[in-house]
């Protein structure tokens, strides 16, 4: 691809072009602005290069030779990369007069490339730093056969259809507005309805699991975040402090110190532990504009947060409880497949090596006890402790980060929390941080794409639409509507003076699970005619039978 771009646009400078898990890309510095319309032209030139079947020739050069070579081509980005390579020799590859810096290995020749497609053009800062120049990135994919390529392109089309940003607009679920600010979500009535169902389910299950629900402020003195270590280790993701009456305050990036403060409001005994606090707490984090992505990466979001304060000998039991709780929640929302990772100590961390070893051991022991397959993710723990990450796989097999369980010996030390032990001496509790869904915004975005917007009945913002065939059926339809609504079913009614086919299509577009069609026969028989969104007709039934049928399906959360 780089060879083709250089031939078509000779003044272009080459930056970097790696293989990535789902394809490849190359970053270019060019005065010409690439667009989707340019991709077929580049593809055509690529096919010519492939047809030449030129061999890839590997060469090793001393650093000085490589610098001189690429300086001669005017490739300043390559020169910068060469200076960062630790070895004294670097490798380059050449094919038919085109030469590029690359570690390799390569195919034998260009003719071995069989099936490829250029997908998109995007902006990318050089080396991912927004202080550097914005480059142009072209993405593509390559496969061994045309059949494999077609299968992948079909998959990408399905992904596009399920894009939660598109469906969020079409289904009137949420929006974002530049006048309000990037990465800040507006929940529309239909989206808020689903959120309310999720929150009610969350609260109900946490009550059963022995959690106490809290509410905490959105700001706190900056000194609090200094004590927790966030200012030292998390500053880049925090907003600038604000001054209030001569004191610096910070909008909260986390809920944990507030929960600790509530813990410290009373003298605690070993008899009080484990103590489980939970909160649907909204936090704010500064994410660079380049990484914001619909609901999946935002600046203000609500964590389904919880903190468990326990004794050393309770850690593993509590982690086991959280694992069971997490998998139950995920399964209820339709996620049957997931991958589990044990994330260990990062380079920058607080606490002692012994504390990290104990915390990591407790997490690993719980996973082994549950006989759950997991992989170790070295260095991916948070600065205050190791963690278990659970990544769900959606209906397309894509992986999404949701749940996390973190053992923390450090915040209790930094914020000086204790409990009175059996020996009447003060002891230091262990703190377990956990989130089951991660954030409501991100989880909602994942749900939209998982179900392609066709939510199961218990989650659907409107569970049944009542559609009148003509104006004379409106009064009877309103009785049906009122009965269902009073029975706790989320119904709406379409009384527009439109043909019934139009109303059915409109309800189908909104992916409403059921439609209740009212005409002369239904009025005469005092019944309703029920149709599923997939077109299956369930026939006539009384409104009482309909309500019982719907409530049974809702209760099963299928």
Protein backbone atom coordinates (compact mmCIF):
# COMPACT_ATOMS: atom_id res chain seq x y z
CA UNK A 1 0.00 0.00 0.00
CA UNK A 2 2.83 2.40 0.87
CA UNK A 3 4.49 1.67 -2.50
CA UNK A 4 1.23 2.41 -4.32
CA UNK A 5 0.69 5.67 -2.44
CA UNK A 6 4.24 6.82 -3.18
CA UNK A 7 3.80 6.12 -6.89
CA UNK A 8 0.48 7.95 -7.06
CA UNK A 9 1.42 10.79 -4.69
CA UNK A 10 5.25 11.09 -4.86
CA UNK A 11 5.53 13.98 -2.36
CA UNK A 12 3.98 11.86 0.41
CA UNK A 13 6.16 11.02 3.41
CA UNK A 14 5.87 7.57 4.99
CA UNK A 15 5.40 7.29 8.75
CA UNK A 16 4.57 3.89 10.20
CA UNK A 17 2.53 0.94 8.92
CA UNK A 18 2.03 -2.07 11.19
CA UNK A 19 -0.13 -5.15 11.08
CA UNK A 20 -2.88 -4.98 13.72
CA UNK A 21 -5.25 -7.70 15.05
CA UNK A 22 -7.98 -6.89 12.51
CA UNK A 23 -5.90 -5.84 9.49
CA UNK A 24 -3.24 -3.22 8.85
CA UNK A 25 -2.77 0.50 8.42
CA UNK A 26 -0.20 2.99 7.22
CA UNK A 27 0.21 6.62 8.31
CA UNK A 28 1.11 9.20 5.68
CA UNK A 29 2.15 12.84 5.73
CA UNK A 30 0.78 14.40 2.57
CA UNK A 31 -0.42 17.81 1.44
CA UNK A 32 -3.06 15.91 -0.52
CA UNK A 33 -6.10 14.96 1.55
CA UNK A 34 -7.03 11.33 1.02
CA UNK A 35 -10.70 10.35 0.87
CA UNK A 36 -12.75 7.18 0.44
CA UNK A 37 -12.88 7.98 -3.31
CA UNK A 38 -9.08 7.57 -3.51
CA UNK A 39 -9.06 4.03 -2.13
CA UNK A 40 -10.09 2.24 -5.41
CA UNK A 41 -7.30 4.11 -7.21
CA UNK A 42 -4.74 3.00 -4.61
CA UNK A 43 -6.10 -0.56 -4.76
CA UNK A 44 -5.68 -0.58 -8.53
CA UNK A 45 -2.04 0.44 -8.21
CA UNK A 46 -1.52 -2.20 -5.50
CA UNK A 47 -2.83 -4.87 -7.86
CA UNK A 48 -0.30 -3.79 -10.47
CA UNK A 49 2.50 -4.14 -7.90
CA UNK A 50 1.21 -7.60 -6.92
CA UNK A 51 1.01 -8.65 -10.56
CA UNK A 52 4.72 -7.80 -11.01
CA UNK A 53 5.48 -10.53 -8.44
CA UNK A 54 8.67 -8.75 -7.37
CA UNK A 55 10.71 -10.54 -4.66
CA UNK A 56 11.07 -9.01 -1.20
CA UNK A 57 14.78 -8.55 -0.55
CA UNK A 58 15.93 -8.26 3.07
CA UNK A 59 18.94 -6.09 3.86
CA UNK A 60 20.77 -5.32 7.09
CA UNK A 61 22.24 -1.84 7.41
CA UNK A 62 24.28 -0.10 10.05
CA UNK A 63 22.33 2.65 11.75
CA UNK A 64 24.37 5.39 10.02
CA UNK A 65 23.81 3.76 6.62
CA UNK A 66 20.06 3.52 7.21
CA UNK A 67 19.84 7.15 8.35
CA UNK A 68 21.74 8.31 5.25
CA UNK A 69 19.54 6.15 2.99
CA UNK A 70 16.22 7.50 4.26
CA UNK A 71 17.51 11.07 4.53
CA UNK A 72 18.27 10.75 0.83
CA UNK A 73 14.63 9.82 0.19
CA UNK A 74 13.45 12.72 2.38
CA UNK A 75 11.76 10.26 4.77
CA UNK A 76 12.19 12.19 8.04
CA UNK A 77 9.77 9.99 9.98
CA UNK A 78 11.83 6.89 9.12
CA UNK A 79 15.00 8.65 10.29
CA UNK A 80 13.35 9.42 13.63
CA UNK A 81 12.30 5.77 14.01
CA UNK A 82 15.80 4.54 13.17
CA UNK A 83 17.30 6.70 15.93
CA UNK A 84 14.94 5.00 18.42
CA UNK A 85 15.93 1.45 17.43
CA UNK A 86 18.21 0.08 20.19
CA UNK A 87 20.29 -2.17 17.90
CA UNK A 88 23.24 -0.87 15.88
CA UNK A 89 21.86 -2.59 12.78
CA UNK A 90 18.45 -2.18 11.22
CA UNK A 91 16.61 -4.20 8.59
CA UNK A 92 14.99 -2.88 5.46
CA UNK A 93 13.06 -4.62 2.68
CA UNK A 94 13.09 -3.78 -0.99
CA UNK A 95 10.79 -4.80 -3.83
CA UNK A 96 11.01 -3.49 -7.37
CA UNK A 97 12.86 -0.33 -6.34
CA UNK A 98 10.67 0.51 -3.34
CA UNK A 99 12.46 0.29 0.01
CA UNK A 100 11.04 0.54 3.52
CA UNK A 101 12.15 0.15 7.10
CA UNK A 102 10.77 -3.12 8.48
CA UNK A 103 11.64 -5.83 10.97
CA UNK A 104 10.03 -8.52 8.80
CA UNK A 105 9.62 -11.31 7.97
CA UNK A 106 7.83 -10.92 4.62
CA UNK A 107 6.28 -13.14 1.98
CA UNK A 108 8.69 -14.26 -0.73
CA UNK A 109 7.25 -11.84 -3.27
CA UNK A 110 4.43 -9.38 -3.88
CA UNK A 111 2.62 -11.97 -5.99
CA UNK A 112 1.86 -14.00 -2.85
CA UNK A 113 -0.70 -11.39 -1.77
CA UNK A 114 -4.07 -12.88 -2.76
CA UNK A 115 -7.02 -10.91 -1.39
CA UNK A 116 -7.14 -7.45 0.17
CA UNK A 117 -9.39 -4.44 0.62
CA UNK A 118 -8.75 -0.86 1.72
CA UNK A 119 -11.43 0.13 4.18
CA UNK A 120 -11.20 3.69 5.45
CA UNK A 121 -9.23 6.89 5.96
CA UNK A 122 -8.76 8.51 9.35
CA UNK A 123 -6.59 11.07 11.11
CA UNK A 124 -3.85 10.02 13.51
CA UNK A 125 -1.27 12.02 15.44
CA UNK A 126 2.33 11.01 14.84
CA UNK A 127 3.20 8.53 17.59
CA UNK A 128 -0.25 9.05 19.12
CA UNK A 129 0.74 12.39 20.67
CA UNK A 130 -1.71 15.23 20.06
CA UNK A 131 1.21 17.68 20.28
CA UNK A 132 2.60 16.15 17.10
CA UNK A 133 1.44 16.61 13.51
CA UNK A 134 -1.82 15.06 12.39
CA UNK A 135 -1.16 12.40 9.75
CA UNK A 136 -3.53 10.50 7.44
CA UNK A 137 -4.12 6.83 8.18
CA UNK A 138 -5.41 4.32 5.63
CA UNK A 139 -6.81 1.06 7.01
CA UNK A 140 -7.05 -2.23 5.15
CA UNK A 141 -7.39 -6.00 5.49
CA UNK A 142 -5.73 -8.91 3.73
CA UNK A 143 -6.62 -12.60 3.51
CA UNK A 144 -5.31 -15.77 1.89
CA UNK A 145 -8.44 -16.26 -0.21
CA UNK A 146 -11.22 -14.18 -1.70
CA UNK A 147 -13.77 -16.25 0.23
CA UNK A 148 -12.13 -15.31 3.53
CA UNK A 149 -12.07 -11.66 2.49
CA UNK A 150 -15.75 -11.73 1.52
CA UNK A 151 -16.66 -13.34 4.83
CA UNK A 152 -14.79 -10.61 6.69
CA UNK A 153 -16.33 -7.81 4.64
CA UNK A 154 -19.79 -9.28 5.31
CA UNK A 155 -18.91 -9.26 9.01
CA UNK A 156 -17.90 -5.59 8.79
CA UNK A 157 -21.22 -4.78 7.11
CA UNK A 158 -23.03 -6.45 10.00
CA UNK A 159 -20.91 -4.46 12.45
CA UNK A 160 -21.85 -1.27 10.60
CA UNK A 161 -25.55 -2.14 10.82
CA UNK A 162 -25.21 -2.67 14.57
CA UNK A 163 -23.20 0.50 15.25
CA UNK A 164 -24.73 1.84 18.46
CA UNK A 165 -24.23 5.44 17.33
CA UNK A 166 -26.42 4.88 14.26
CA UNK A 167 -29.00 2.78 16.10
CA UNK A 168 -29.01 5.22 19.02
CA UNK A 169 -30.19 7.91 16.64
CA UNK A 170 -32.61 5.73 14.66
CA UNK A 171 -34.22 4.32 17.81
CA UNK A 172 -34.16 7.71 19.59
CA UNK A 173 -32.18 6.34 22.56
CA UNK A 174 -29.48 8.94 23.21
CA UNK A 175 -27.53 11.79 21.66
CA UNK A 176 -24.47 13.98 22.17
CA UNK A 177 -24.33 17.69 21.49
CA UNK A 178 -21.25 19.83 20.86
CA UNK A 179 -22.97 22.74 22.61
CA UNK A 180 -22.96 20.65 25.78
CA UNK A 181 -19.54 19.07 25.32
CA UNK A 182 -17.81 16.13 23.71
CA UNK A 183 -18.15 12.78 25.44
CA UNK A 184 -21.20 13.82 27.50
CA UNK A 185 -24.35 11.73 26.98
CA UNK A 186 -27.97 12.89 26.75
CA UNK A 187 -30.31 10.00 27.55
CA UNK A 188 -33.59 10.35 25.60
CA UNK A 189 -36.83 8.98 27.10
CA UNK A 190 -36.54 5.63 25.30
CA UNK A 191 -32.90 5.17 26.32
CA UNK A 192 -33.62 6.40 29.84
CA UNK A 193 -36.40 3.81 30.08
CA UNK A 194 -33.89 1.01 29.41
CA UNK A 195 -31.41 2.56 31.85
CA UNK A 196 -34.08 2.65 34.54
CA UNK A 197 -34.80 -1.07 34.03
CA UNK A 198 -31.07 -1.84 34.27
CA UNK A 199 -30.71 0.27 37.42
CA UNK A 200 -33.76 -1.28 39.10
CA UNK A 201 -32.49 -4.77 38.34
CA UNK A 202 -29.04 -3.80 39.64
CA UNK A 203 -30.47 -2.39 42.88
CA UNK A 204 -32.72 -5.39 43.43
CA UNK A 205 -29.88 -7.89 42.98
CA UNK A 206 -27.46 -5.91 45.14
CA UNK A 207 -29.99 -5.83 47.94
CA UNK A 208 -30.26 -9.63 47.70
CA UNK A 209 -26.45 -9.94 47.70
CA UNK A 210 -26.03 -8.01 50.95
CA UNK A 211 -24.82 -4.66 49.60
CA UNK A 212 -25.72 -1.30 51.10
CA UNK A 213 -26.40 1.42 48.51
CA UNK A 214 -24.74 4.84 48.83
CA UNK A 215 -24.92 8.25 47.17
CA UNK A 216 -21.88 10.54 47.13
CA UNK A 217 -20.94 14.05 45.85
CA UNK A 218 -19.55 14.84 42.41
CA UNK A 219 -16.65 16.97 43.68
CA UNK A 220 -14.18 16.90 46.55
CA UNK A 221 -11.13 18.81 47.74
CA UNK A 222 -8.06 18.16 45.60
CA UNK A 223 -6.18 17.09 48.74
CA UNK A 224 -8.37 13.98 48.90
CA UNK A 225 -7.11 12.88 45.48
CA UNK A 226 -3.54 13.59 46.62
CA UNK A 227 -4.00 11.24 49.56
CA UNK A 228 -5.38 8.44 47.37
CA UNK A 229 -2.52 8.76 44.88
CA UNK A 230 -4.70 9.81 41.95
CA UNK A 231 -2.91 13.16 41.52
CA UNK A 232 0.42 11.34 41.20
CA UNK A 233 -0.70 8.38 39.12
CA UNK A 234 -3.88 9.45 37.33
CA UNK A 235 -3.45 13.20 36.72
CA UNK A 236 -3.67 13.01 32.91
CA UNK A 237 -7.20 11.60 33.16
CA UNK A 238 -8.46 14.18 35.66
CA UNK A 239 -9.97 17.57 34.90
CA UNK A 240 -8.33 20.79 36.04
CA UNK A 241 -9.11 21.75 39.65
CA UNK A 242 -11.57 24.55 40.42
CA UNK A 243 -11.15 27.08 43.21
CA UNK A 244 -13.94 27.46 45.77
CA UNK A 245 -13.41 29.91 48.66
CA UNK A 246 -9.66 29.72 48.27
CA UNK A 247 -9.53 25.90 48.24
CA UNK A 248 -8.94 23.64 45.25
CA UNK A 249 -11.70 21.15 44.40
CA UNK A 250 -11.66 18.36 41.82
CA UNK A 251 -14.56 16.79 39.95
CA UNK A 252 -14.45 13.12 40.89
CA UNK A 253 -12.79 10.54 38.62
CA UNK A 254 -13.54 7.75 41.12
CA UNK A 255 -16.03 6.92 43.86
CA UNK A 256 -13.68 4.97 46.17
CA UNK A 257 -12.52 7.73 48.58
CA UNK A 258 -16.12 8.69 49.30
CA UNK A 259 -16.95 5.13 50.26
CA UNK A 260 -13.86 5.06 52.48
CA UNK A 261 -15.05 8.26 54.16
CA UNK A 262 -18.42 6.65 54.94
CA UNK A 263 -16.59 3.61 56.32
CA UNK A 264 -14.56 5.90 58.60
CA UNK A 265 -17.67 7.69 59.89
CA UNK A 266 -18.04 4.96 62.57
CA UNK A 267 -15.72 2.80 64.61
CA UNK A 268 -15.73 -0.59 62.86
CA UNK A 269 -15.35 -4.01 64.46
CA UNK A 270 -14.38 -7.35 62.96
CA UNK A 271 -18.04 -8.26 63.52
CA UNK A 272 -19.04 -5.62 60.92
CA UNK A 273 -16.93 -7.18 58.18
CA UNK A 274 -17.30 -7.87 55.38
CA UNK A 275 -18.97 -4.53 54.69
CA UNK A 276 -20.27 -4.13 51.13
CA UNK A 277 -21.01 -0.65 49.77
CA UNK A 278 -22.43 -0.08 46.28
CA UNK A 279 -23.24 3.02 44.25
CA UNK A 280 -24.35 3.94 40.76
CA UNK A 281 -21.87 6.79 40.88
CA UNK A 282 -21.31 9.24 38.04
CA UNK A 283 -17.64 10.13 37.49
CA UNK A 284 -15.79 12.37 35.05
CA UNK A 285 -12.51 11.62 33.31
CA UNK A 286 -10.61 13.62 30.75
CA UNK A 287 -10.37 11.47 27.63
CA UNK A 288 -8.59 12.91 24.58
CA UNK A 289 -11.02 13.87 21.84
CA UNK A 290 -9.34 11.44 19.45
CA UNK A 291 -10.34 8.41 21.51
CA UNK A 292 -13.96 9.39 22.23
CA UNK A 293 -16.33 6.92 20.59
CA UNK A 294 -20.09 7.16 21.11
CA UNK A 295 -21.11 5.54 24.39
CA UNK A 296 -18.05 3.29 24.44
CA UNK A 297 -15.56 6.04 25.37
CA UNK A 298 -17.03 9.09 27.09
CA UNK A 299 -16.00 11.76 29.59
CA UNK A 300 -18.91 11.48 32.00
CA UNK A 301 -20.27 8.06 32.93
CA UNK A 302 -21.98 6.15 35.71
CA UNK A 303 -20.07 3.24 37.21
CA UNK A 304 -21.91 0.34 38.83
CA UNK A 305 -19.36 0.66 41.57
CA UNK A 306 -18.90 -1.26 44.80
CA UNK A 307 -16.28 -1.52 47.52
CA UNK A 308 -15.99 -4.38 49.93
CA UNK A 309 -14.10 -3.96 53.20
CA UNK A 310 -12.99 -7.26 54.62
CA UNK A 311 -10.36 -9.09 56.69
CA UNK A 312 -7.44 -11.07 55.28
CA UNK A 313 -9.15 -14.42 55.78
CA UNK A 314 -12.30 -13.18 53.99
CA UNK A 315 -10.66 -12.04 50.73
CA UNK A 316 -11.01 -15.24 48.74
CA UNK A 317 -14.63 -15.86 49.81
CA UNK A 318 -15.56 -12.30 48.81
CA UNK A 319 -13.84 -12.62 45.43
CA UNK A 320 -15.70 -15.90 44.85
CA UNK A 321 -18.99 -14.17 45.68
CA UNK A 322 -18.18 -11.33 43.28
CA UNK A 323 -17.24 -13.77 40.51
CA UNK A 324 -20.57 -15.60 40.89
CA UNK A 325 -22.46 -12.30 41.01
CA UNK A 326 -20.67 -10.98 37.92
CA UNK A 327 -21.32 -14.05 35.79
CA UNK A 328 -24.99 -14.07 36.88
CA UNK A 329 -25.42 -10.43 35.84
CA UNK A 330 -23.69 -10.93 32.49
CA UNK A 331 -25.72 -14.06 31.71
CA UNK A 332 -28.97 -12.27 32.54
CA UNK A 333 -28.17 -9.62 29.93
CA UNK A 334 -27.49 -12.31 27.34
CA UNK A 335 -23.71 -12.70 27.50
CA UNK A 336 -22.90 -16.41 27.68
CA UNK A 337 -19.28 -16.24 26.49
CA UNK A 338 -16.43 -14.29 28.03
CA UNK A 339 -12.65 -14.22 28.48
CA UNK A 340 -10.99 -13.71 31.85
CA UNK A 341 -7.65 -11.99 32.48
CA UNK A 342 -5.56 -11.65 35.62
CA UNK A 343 -3.83 -8.26 35.35
CA UNK A 344 -0.61 -7.93 37.35
CA UNK A 345 1.52 -5.09 38.75
CA UNK A 346 2.29 -2.20 36.34
CA UNK A 347 5.57 -0.28 36.19
CA UNK A 348 4.18 2.62 38.21
CA UNK A 349 2.51 1.44 41.38
CA UNK A 350 1.99 2.18 45.06
CA UNK A 351 2.37 -0.21 47.98
CA UNK A 352 4.81 -3.00 48.74
CA UNK A 353 5.81 -5.98 46.63
CA UNK A 354 4.57 -8.25 49.42
CA UNK A 355 1.14 -6.59 49.36
CA UNK A 356 0.92 -6.98 45.58
CA UNK A 357 1.95 -10.62 45.84
CA UNK A 358 -0.76 -11.34 48.42
CA UNK A 359 -3.42 -9.51 46.40
CA UNK A 360 -2.50 -11.23 43.14
CA UNK A 361 -2.42 -14.61 44.89
CA UNK A 362 -5.92 -14.09 46.29
CA UNK A 363 -7.34 -13.31 42.83
CA UNK A 364 -5.56 -16.25 41.21
CA UNK A 365 -6.66 -18.63 43.97
CA UNK A 366 -10.32 -17.64 43.49
CA UNK A 367 -10.13 -18.22 39.73
CA UNK A 368 -8.54 -21.62 40.24
CA UNK A 369 -11.14 -22.52 42.87
CA UNK A 370 -13.96 -21.71 40.40
CA UNK A 371 -12.10 -23.67 37.67
CA UNK A 372 -12.37 -20.67 35.35
CA UNK A 373 -9.98 -20.47 32.42
CA UNK A 374 -7.95 -17.27 32.48
CA UNK A 375 -4.88 -15.64 30.97
CA UNK A 376 -2.30 -13.51 32.76
CA UNK A 377 -2.08 -9.95 31.44
CA UNK A 378 1.33 -8.76 32.68
CA UNK A 379 1.61 -5.18 33.89
CA UNK A 380 -2.04 -4.28 33.22
CA UNK A 381 -3.10 -3.87 36.84
CA UNK A 382 -4.09 -0.43 38.15
CA UNK A 383 -1.57 1.57 40.15
CA UNK A 384 -3.08 0.54 43.50
CA UNK A 385 -3.61 -3.18 42.95
CA UNK A 386 -3.97 -6.22 40.66
CA UNK A 387 -7.30 -7.09 39.11
CA UNK A 388 -9.44 -9.63 37.30
CA UNK A 389 -10.89 -8.34 34.02
CA UNK A 390 -13.83 -10.12 32.42
CA UNK A 391 -14.36 -9.37 28.73
CA UNK A 392 -17.68 -10.50 27.27
CA UNK A 393 -18.12 -11.73 23.72
CA UNK A 394 -21.16 -10.35 21.93
CA UNK A 395 -23.38 -12.02 19.33
CA UNK A 396 -20.75 -11.33 16.65
CA UNK A 397 -17.96 -12.81 18.77
CA UNK A 398 -16.35 -9.43 19.50
CA UNK A 399 -14.66 -8.91 22.84
CA UNK A 400 -15.71 -6.09 25.20
CA UNK A 401 -14.19 -5.07 28.54
CA UNK A 402 -16.93 -4.88 31.19
CA UNK A 403 -16.37 -6.37 34.62
CA UNK A 404 -13.40 -5.83 36.90
CA UNK A 405 -12.45 -7.04 40.39
CA UNK A 406 -9.51 -5.34 42.13
CA UNK A 407 -7.85 -6.12 45.44
CA UNK A 408 -6.42 -3.04 47.14
CA UNK A 409 -4.06 -3.03 50.14
CA UNK A 410 -2.96 0.53 49.41
CA UNK A 411 -5.96 2.88 49.73
CA UNK A 412 -6.76 1.53 53.23
CA UNK A 413 -3.17 2.37 54.17
CA UNK A 414 -3.14 5.80 52.54
CA UNK A 415 -6.51 6.84 53.98
CA UNK A 416 -5.79 5.15 57.32
CA UNK A 417 -8.86 2.97 57.75
CA UNK A 418 -9.02 0.36 60.50
CA UNK A 419 -11.30 -2.04 62.33
CA UNK A 420 -11.12 -3.34 65.90
CA UNK A 421 -9.95 -6.96 65.76
CA UNK A 422 -10.81 -9.89 68.03
CA UNK A 423 -7.74 -8.99 70.09
CA UNK A 424 -9.18 -5.47 70.62
CA UNK A 425 -6.34 -4.00 68.55
CA UNK A 426 -6.75 -1.89 65.43
CA UNK A 427 -6.27 -3.85 62.20
CA UNK A 428 -6.08 -2.73 58.59
CA UNK A 429 -8.95 -4.01 56.37
CA UNK A 430 -8.51 -5.06 52.75
CA UNK A 431 -10.54 -3.22 50.15
CA UNK A 432 -12.00 -4.89 47.06
CA UNK A 433 -13.08 -2.60 44.21
CA UNK A 434 -15.50 -4.10 41.70
CA UNK A 435 -17.74 -3.13 38.82
CA UNK A 436 -19.99 -5.69 37.15
CA UNK A 437 -21.05 -3.79 34.04
CA UNK A 438 -18.20 -1.26 34.08
CA UNK A 439 -20.23 1.81 33.24
CA UNK A 440 -23.89 2.13 32.29
CA UNK A 441 -23.04 4.14 29.19
CA UNK A 442 -20.51 1.67 27.80
CA UNK A 443 -22.62 -1.34 28.80
CA UNK A 444 -25.65 0.18 27.09
CA UNK A 445 -23.64 0.74 23.91
CA UNK A 446 -22.52 -2.90 24.00
CA UNK A 447 -26.11 -4.07 24.55
CA UNK A 448 -27.33 -2.04 21.56
CA UNK A 449 -24.76 -3.71 19.28
CA UNK A 450 -25.19 -7.17 20.86
CA UNK A 451 -28.95 -7.13 20.15
CA UNK A 452 -28.73 -4.90 17.04
CA UNK A 453 -31.25 -2.67 18.84
CA UNK A 454 -33.84 -5.49 19.09
CA UNK A 455 -33.82 -5.73 22.89
CA UNK A 456 -35.46 -8.60 24.73
CA UNK A 457 -38.90 -7.80 26.10
CA UNK A 458 -37.78 -7.05 29.66
CA UNK A 459 -35.34 -4.36 28.43
CA UNK A 460 -37.32 -2.86 25.56
CA UNK A 461 -38.28 0.80 26.08
CA UNK A 462 -41.70 0.05 24.56
CA UNK A 463 -42.81 -3.54 25.06
CA UNK A 464 -45.95 -3.43 22.96
CA UNK A 465 -47.43 -0.97 20.47
CA UNK A 466 -51.19 -0.69 20.14
CA UNK A 467 -52.10 0.03 16.52
CA UNK A 468 -55.57 1.15 15.44
CA UNK A 469 -56.90 0.29 11.99
CA UNK A 470 -59.23 3.31 11.88
CA UNK A 471 -60.42 6.20 14.03
CA UNK A 472 -63.46 4.29 15.27
CA UNK A 473 -61.13 1.91 17.11
CA UNK A 474 -59.36 4.62 19.13
CA UNK A 475 -61.62 4.59 22.20
CA UNK A 476 -61.36 0.80 22.59
CA UNK A 477 -57.58 0.95 22.02
CA UNK A 478 -57.18 3.50 24.81
CA UNK A 479 -58.87 1.10 27.23
CA UNK A 480 -56.36 -1.59 26.24
CA UNK A 481 -53.51 0.90 26.58
CA UNK A 482 -54.59 2.04 30.05
CA UNK A 483 -55.07 -1.55 31.25
CA UNK A 484 -51.57 -2.60 30.15
CA UNK A 485 -49.89 0.53 31.47
CA UNK A 486 -51.60 0.21 34.85
CA UNK A 487 -50.39 -3.40 34.96
CA UNK A 488 -46.78 -2.22 34.69
CA UNK A 489 -46.28 -2.94 30.97
CA UNK A 490 -44.55 -0.31 28.84
CA UNK A 491 -47.07 0.25 26.05
CA UNK A 492 -47.64 3.00 23.53
CA UNK A 493 -50.53 3.69 21.21
CA UNK A 494 -50.49 4.80 17.57
CA UNK A 495 -53.74 6.68 16.80
CA UNK A 496 -52.46 8.39 13.64
CA UNK A 497 -54.80 8.50 10.66
CA UNK A 498 -52.52 6.23 8.62
CA UNK A 499 -52.88 2.82 7.03
CA UNK A 500 -52.20 -0.14 9.31
CA UNK A 501 -49.31 -1.29 7.09
CA UNK A 502 -47.53 2.01 7.70
CA UNK A 503 -48.06 1.69 11.46
CA UNK A 504 -46.71 -1.87 11.47
CA UNK A 505 -43.62 -0.78 9.55
CA UNK A 506 -43.04 2.11 11.96
CA UNK A 507 -43.29 -0.19 14.98
CA UNK A 508 -40.95 -2.66 13.26
CA UNK A 509 -38.38 0.07 12.59
CA UNK A 510 -38.40 0.87 16.32
CA UNK A 511 -37.93 -2.87 16.95
CA UNK A 512 -40.88 -3.05 19.36
CA UNK A 513 -41.21 -6.71 20.49
CA UNK A 514 -45.00 -6.95 20.13
CA UNK A 515 -47.78 -5.19 18.24
CA UNK A 516 -51.41 -5.20 19.29
CA UNK A 517 -53.65 -4.61 16.26
CA UNK A 518 -57.17 -3.34 16.90
CA UNK A 519 -59.96 -3.54 14.30
CA UNK A 520 -63.68 -4.26 14.10
CA UNK A 521 -63.32 -7.96 14.95
CA UNK A 522 -61.27 -7.25 18.08
CA UNK A 523 -63.76 -4.62 19.25
CA UNK A 524 -66.68 -6.97 18.65
CA UNK A 525 -64.99 -9.90 20.45
CA UNK A 526 -63.49 -7.73 23.19
CA UNK A 527 -60.05 -9.12 22.31
CA UNK A 528 -56.70 -8.05 20.88
CA UNK A 529 -54.73 -9.43 17.92
CA UNK A 530 -51.03 -9.94 18.69
CA UNK A 531 -48.11 -9.93 16.29
CA UNK A 532 -44.38 -10.33 17.05
CA UNK A 533 -41.80 -7.99 15.56
CA UNK A 534 -40.52 -10.86 13.38
CA UNK A 535 -43.94 -11.03 11.74
CA UNK A 536 -45.33 -14.09 13.56
CA UNK A 537 -49.03 -13.72 14.30
CA UNK A 538 -50.09 -15.03 17.73
CA UNK A 539 -53.79 -14.56 17.05
CA UNK A 540 -56.53 -13.18 19.29
CA UNK A 541 -56.56 -13.16 23.09
CA UNK A 542 -58.20 -11.19 25.86
CA UNK A 543 -56.34 -8.23 27.32
CA UNK A 544 -56.01 -10.18 30.58
CA UNK A 545 -54.39 -13.09 28.73
CA UNK A 546 -52.11 -10.65 26.89
CA UNK A 547 -50.95 -9.00 30.13
CA UNK A 548 -50.26 -12.38 31.75
CA UNK A 549 -48.38 -13.56 28.65
CA UNK A 550 -46.18 -10.45 28.57
CA UNK A 551 -45.52 -10.43 32.32
CA UNK A 552 -44.46 -14.07 32.23
CA UNK A 553 -41.90 -13.35 29.50
CA UNK A 554 -40.69 -10.20 31.27
CA UNK A 555 -40.20 -12.09 34.54
CA UNK A 556 -38.02 -14.70 32.83
CA UNK A 557 -35.72 -11.99 31.40
CA UNK A 558 -35.14 -14.07 28.27
